[in-house]
């Protein structure tokens, strides 16, 4: 039987706090979602001033990053490269907006234990916030 790491509530709180700190340091109003390896929501917050749409997009980005075991930037690059049919698959899966950069898997020892999704600013900056959170784990 394989043993692998899992996120604890303390881990999730540390990731969320680091994401929020990065967003506030840059005066960015975003939504932050953290999911487990199965894409199930563990944490969600929408900072004051973040657009209502971010409440759907951040969890969708996190879920896609966890289930796909890769950054959502990869999917955005595929779509921008001409695979626009991928968008309809995301919509059918209830993941509208997930095909944009800003979803980052949390990898520990090569295993995906969850993901962070951020929405509200430019996609690269969303990813920057997510990565700041993940760094708080030392992962």
C-alpha atoms as a PDB file:
ATOM      1  CA  UNK A   1       0.000   0.000   0.000  1.00  0.00           C
ATOM      2  CA  UNK A   2       1.309   3.433  -0.890  1.00  0.00           C
ATOM      3  CA  UNK A   3       1.599   6.141   1.746  1.00  0.00           C
ATOM      4  CA  UNK A   4       1.531   9.749   0.631  1.00  0.00           C
ATOM      5  CA  UNK A   5       1.307  13.237   2.113  1.00  0.00           C
ATOM      6  CA  UNK A   6      -1.948  15.148   2.539  1.00  0.00           C
ATOM      7  CA  UNK A   7      -2.817  18.751   3.316  1.00  0.00           C
ATOM      8  CA  UNK A   8      -3.809  19.566   6.885  1.00  0.00           C
ATOM      9  CA  UNK A   9      -5.965  22.485   7.952  1.00  0.00           C
ATOM     10  CA  UNK A  10      -2.833  24.210   9.266  1.00  0.00           C
ATOM     11  CA  UNK A  11      -1.211  23.758   5.832  1.00  0.00           C
ATOM     12  CA  UNK A  12      -4.244  25.235   4.115  1.00  0.00           C
ATOM     13  CA  UNK A  13      -4.290  28.214   6.485  1.00  0.00           C
ATOM     14  CA  UNK A  14      -0.583  28.852   5.860  1.00  0.00           C
ATOM     15  CA  UNK A  15      -1.078  28.753   2.087  1.00  0.00           C
ATOM     16  CA  UNK A  16      -4.107  31.058   2.289  1.00  0.00           C
ATOM     17  CA  UNK A  17      -2.302  33.551   4.524  1.00  0.00           C
ATOM     18  CA  UNK A  18       0.694  33.695   2.179  1.00  0.00           C
ATOM     19  CA  UNK A  19      -1.568  34.142  -0.855  1.00  0.00           C
ATOM     20  CA  UNK A  20      -3.459  36.930   0.868  1.00  0.00           C
ATOM     21  CA  UNK A  21      -0.217  38.624   1.934  1.00  0.00           C
ATOM     22  CA  UNK A  22       1.092  38.569  -1.653  1.00  0.00           C
ATOM     23  CA  UNK A  23      -2.182  39.972  -2.983  1.00  0.00           C
ATOM     24  CA  UNK A  24      -2.364  42.727  -0.368  1.00  0.00           C
ATOM     25  CA  UNK A  25       1.308  43.659  -0.856  1.00  0.00           C
ATOM     26  CA  UNK A  26       0.452  44.428  -4.486  1.00  0.00           C
ATOM     27  CA  UNK A  27      -2.981  45.920  -3.783  1.00  0.00           C
ATOM     28  CA  UNK A  28      -4.655  43.177  -5.811  1.00  0.00           C
ATOM     29  CA  UNK A  29      -8.292  42.274  -5.113  1.00  0.00           C
ATOM     30  CA  UNK A  30      -8.586  38.573  -5.808  1.00  0.00           C
ATOM     31  CA  UNK A  31     -10.359  35.384  -4.845  1.00  0.00           C
ATOM     32  CA  UNK A  32      -8.279  32.508  -3.481  1.00  0.00           C
ATOM     33  CA  UNK A  33      -9.344  28.859  -3.529  1.00  0.00           C
ATOM     34  CA  UNK A  34      -7.498  25.839  -2.173  1.00  0.00           C
ATOM     35  CA  UNK A  35      -8.574  22.289  -2.981  1.00  0.00           C
ATOM     36  CA  UNK A  36      -7.410  18.783  -2.088  1.00  0.00           C
ATOM     37  CA  UNK A  37      -6.007  16.314  -4.628  1.00  0.00           C
ATOM     38  CA  UNK A  38      -9.540  15.384  -5.728  1.00  0.00           C
ATOM     39  CA  UNK A  39     -10.471  19.005  -6.426  1.00  0.00           C
ATOM     40  CA  UNK A  40     -12.686  19.348  -3.333  1.00  0.00           C
ATOM     41  CA  UNK A  41     -12.787  22.826  -1.856  1.00  0.00           C
ATOM     42  CA  UNK A  42     -10.892  23.239   1.421  1.00  0.00           C
ATOM     43  CA  UNK A  43     -10.643  27.050   1.533  1.00  0.00           C
ATOM     44  CA  UNK A  44     -12.169  29.997  -0.248  1.00  0.00           C
ATOM     45  CA  UNK A  45     -11.902  33.727   0.291  1.00  0.00           C
ATOM     46  CA  UNK A  46     -12.713  36.740  -1.826  1.00  0.00           C
ATOM     47  CA  UNK A  47     -10.871  39.892  -0.865  1.00  0.00           C
ATOM     48  CA  UNK A  48     -12.824  43.118  -0.697  1.00  0.00           C
ATOM     49  CA  UNK A  49     -13.156  44.640  -4.142  1.00  0.00           C
ATOM     50  CA  UNK A  50     -12.676  41.400  -6.081  1.00  0.00           C
ATOM     51  CA  UNK A  51     -15.143  40.991  -8.927  1.00  0.00           C
ATOM     52  CA  UNK A  52     -18.055  38.608  -8.319  1.00  0.00           C
ATOM     53  CA  UNK A  53     -16.911  36.385 -11.213  1.00  0.00           C
ATOM     54  CA  UNK A  54     -13.744  35.521  -9.298  1.00  0.00           C
ATOM     55  CA  UNK A  55     -15.851  33.458  -6.873  1.00  0.00           C
ATOM     56  CA  UNK A  56     -16.454  30.968  -9.690  1.00  0.00           C
ATOM     57  CA  UNK A  57     -13.128  31.203 -11.473  1.00  0.00           C
ATOM     58  CA  UNK A  58     -10.693  30.704  -8.574  1.00  0.00           C
ATOM     59  CA  UNK A  59     -12.200  27.365  -7.437  1.00  0.00           C
ATOM     60  CA  UNK A  60     -12.459  26.210 -11.055  1.00  0.00           C
ATOM     61  CA  UNK A  61      -8.766  26.965 -11.650  1.00  0.00           C
ATOM     62  CA  UNK A  62      -7.792  25.150  -8.453  1.00  0.00           C
ATOM     63  CA  UNK A  63      -9.915  22.125  -9.309  1.00  0.00           C
ATOM     64  CA  UNK A  64      -8.505  21.839 -12.839  1.00  0.00           C
ATOM     65  CA  UNK A  65      -4.923  22.176 -11.548  1.00  0.00           C
ATOM     66  CA  UNK A  66      -5.497  19.430  -8.976  1.00  0.00           C
ATOM     67  CA  UNK A  67      -7.290  17.015 -11.280  1.00  0.00           C
ATOM     68  CA  UNK A  68      -4.917  17.637 -14.194  1.00  0.00           C
ATOM     69  CA  UNK A  69      -1.829  17.636 -11.958  1.00  0.00           C
ATOM     70  CA  UNK A  70      -0.444  20.641 -13.845  1.00  0.00           C
ATOM     71  CA  UNK A  71      -0.646  24.415 -13.909  1.00  0.00           C
ATOM     72  CA  UNK A  72      -3.656  25.808 -15.728  1.00  0.00           C
ATOM     73  CA  UNK A  73      -1.193  27.900 -17.736  1.00  0.00           C
ATOM     74  CA  UNK A  74      -0.624  24.724 -19.787  1.00  0.00           C
ATOM     75  CA  UNK A  75      -4.296  24.663 -20.770  1.00  0.00           C
ATOM     76  CA  UNK A  76      -4.312  28.375 -21.569  1.00  0.00           C
ATOM     77  CA  UNK A  77      -1.338  27.834 -23.889  1.00  0.00           C
ATOM     78  CA  UNK A  78      -3.180  24.944 -25.612  1.00  0.00           C
ATOM     79  CA  UNK A  79      -6.257  27.101 -26.129  1.00  0.00           C
ATOM     80  CA  UNK A  80      -4.204  30.055 -27.365  1.00  0.00           C
ATOM     81  CA  UNK A  81      -2.419  27.627 -29.685  1.00  0.00           C
ATOM     82  CA  UNK A  82      -5.684  26.804 -31.428  1.00  0.00           C
ATOM     83  CA  UNK A  83      -7.289  24.001 -29.372  1.00  0.00           C
ATOM     84  CA  UNK A  84     -10.374  26.116 -28.686  1.00  0.00           C
ATOM     85  CA  UNK A  85     -12.563  23.011 -28.537  1.00  0.00           C
ATOM     86  CA  UNK A  86     -11.028  22.429 -25.110  1.00  0.00           C
ATOM     87  CA  UNK A  87     -13.149  25.355 -23.885  1.00  0.00           C
ATOM     88  CA  UNK A  88     -16.390  23.473 -24.475  1.00  0.00           C
ATOM     89  CA  UNK A  89     -15.036  20.506 -22.511  1.00  0.00           C
ATOM     90  CA  UNK A  90     -14.231  22.790 -19.595  1.00  0.00           C
ATOM     91  CA  UNK A  91     -17.701  24.326 -19.747  1.00  0.00           C
ATOM     92  CA  UNK A  92     -19.353  20.887 -19.807  1.00  0.00           C
ATOM     93  CA  UNK A  93     -17.299  19.881 -16.753  1.00  0.00           C
ATOM     94  CA  UNK A  94     -18.457  22.999 -14.908  1.00  0.00           C
ATOM     95  CA  UNK A  95     -15.008  24.562 -15.125  1.00  0.00           C
ATOM     96  CA  UNK A  96     -15.714  27.801 -16.998  1.00  0.00           C
ATOM     97  CA  UNK A  97     -12.756  30.138 -16.677  1.00  0.00           C
ATOM     98  CA  UNK A  98     -10.454  27.348 -15.499  1.00  0.00           C
ATOM     99  CA  UNK A  99      -8.461  27.380 -18.734  1.00  0.00           C
ATOM    100  CA  UNK A 100      -6.616  30.523 -17.702  1.00  0.00           C
ATOM    101  CA  UNK A 101      -3.318  30.779 -15.857  1.00  0.00           C
ATOM    102  CA  UNK A 102      -3.717  31.042 -12.078  1.00  0.00           C
ATOM    103  CA  UNK A 103      -4.275  27.436 -11.001  1.00  0.00           C
ATOM    104  CA  UNK A 104      -1.197  25.726  -9.568  1.00  0.00           C
ATOM    105  CA  UNK A 105      -0.940  22.193  -8.182  1.00  0.00           C
ATOM    106  CA  UNK A 106       0.676  21.640  -4.788  1.00  0.00           C
ATOM    107  CA  UNK A 107       3.302  18.930  -5.281  1.00  0.00           C
ATOM    108  CA  UNK A 108       5.025  17.224  -2.359  1.00  0.00           C
ATOM    109  CA  UNK A 109       7.571  14.549  -3.136  1.00  0.00           C
ATOM    110  CA  UNK A 110       6.236  14.313  -6.677  1.00  0.00           C
ATOM    111  CA  UNK A 111       2.665  13.731  -5.450  1.00  0.00           C
ATOM    112  CA  UNK A 112      -0.161  16.185  -6.016  1.00  0.00           C
ATOM    113  CA  UNK A 113      -1.782  16.914  -2.648  1.00  0.00           C
ATOM    114  CA  UNK A 114      -4.022  19.740  -3.852  1.00  0.00           C
ATOM    115  CA  UNK A 115      -3.960  23.023  -5.717  1.00  0.00           C
ATOM    116  CA  UNK A 116      -4.394  26.757  -5.374  1.00  0.00           C
ATOM    117  CA  UNK A 117      -6.534  28.811  -7.747  1.00  0.00           C
ATOM    118  CA  UNK A 118      -6.490  32.595  -7.849  1.00  0.00           C
ATOM    119  CA  UNK A 119      -8.592  34.956  -9.940  1.00  0.00           C
ATOM    120  CA  UNK A 120      -8.904  38.708 -10.117  1.00  0.00           C
ATOM    121  CA  UNK A 121      -5.847  40.223 -11.767  1.00  0.00           C
ATOM    122  CA  UNK A 122      -3.764  39.387 -14.845  1.00  0.00           C
ATOM    123  CA  UNK A 123      -3.378  35.634 -15.195  1.00  0.00           C
ATOM    124  CA  UNK A 124       0.386  35.689 -14.586  1.00  0.00           C
ATOM    125  CA  UNK A 125      -0.192  37.669 -11.393  1.00  0.00           C
ATOM    126  CA  UNK A 126      -2.893  35.213 -10.305  1.00  0.00           C
ATOM    127  CA  UNK A 127      -0.271  32.463 -10.654  1.00  0.00           C
ATOM    128  CA  UNK A 128       2.275  34.570  -8.780  1.00  0.00           C
ATOM    129  CA  UNK A 129      -0.106  34.770  -5.819  1.00  0.00           C
ATOM    130  CA  UNK A 130      -0.784  31.018  -5.925  1.00  0.00           C
ATOM    131  CA  UNK A 131       2.930  30.237  -6.021  1.00  0.00           C
ATOM    132  CA  UNK A 132       3.567  32.546  -3.048  1.00  0.00           C
ATOM    133  CA  UNK A 133       1.068  30.495  -1.096  1.00  0.00           C
ATOM    134  CA  UNK A 134       2.602  27.183  -2.090  1.00  0.00           C
ATOM    135  CA  UNK A 135       6.073  28.424  -1.106  1.00  0.00           C
ATOM    136  CA  UNK A 136       4.726  28.872   2.440  1.00  0.00           C
ATOM    137  CA  UNK A 137       4.634  25.072   2.668  1.00  0.00           C
ATOM    138  CA  UNK A 138       8.191  24.701   1.500  1.00  0.00           C
ATOM    139  CA  UNK A 139       6.813  22.481  -1.278  1.00  0.00           C
END
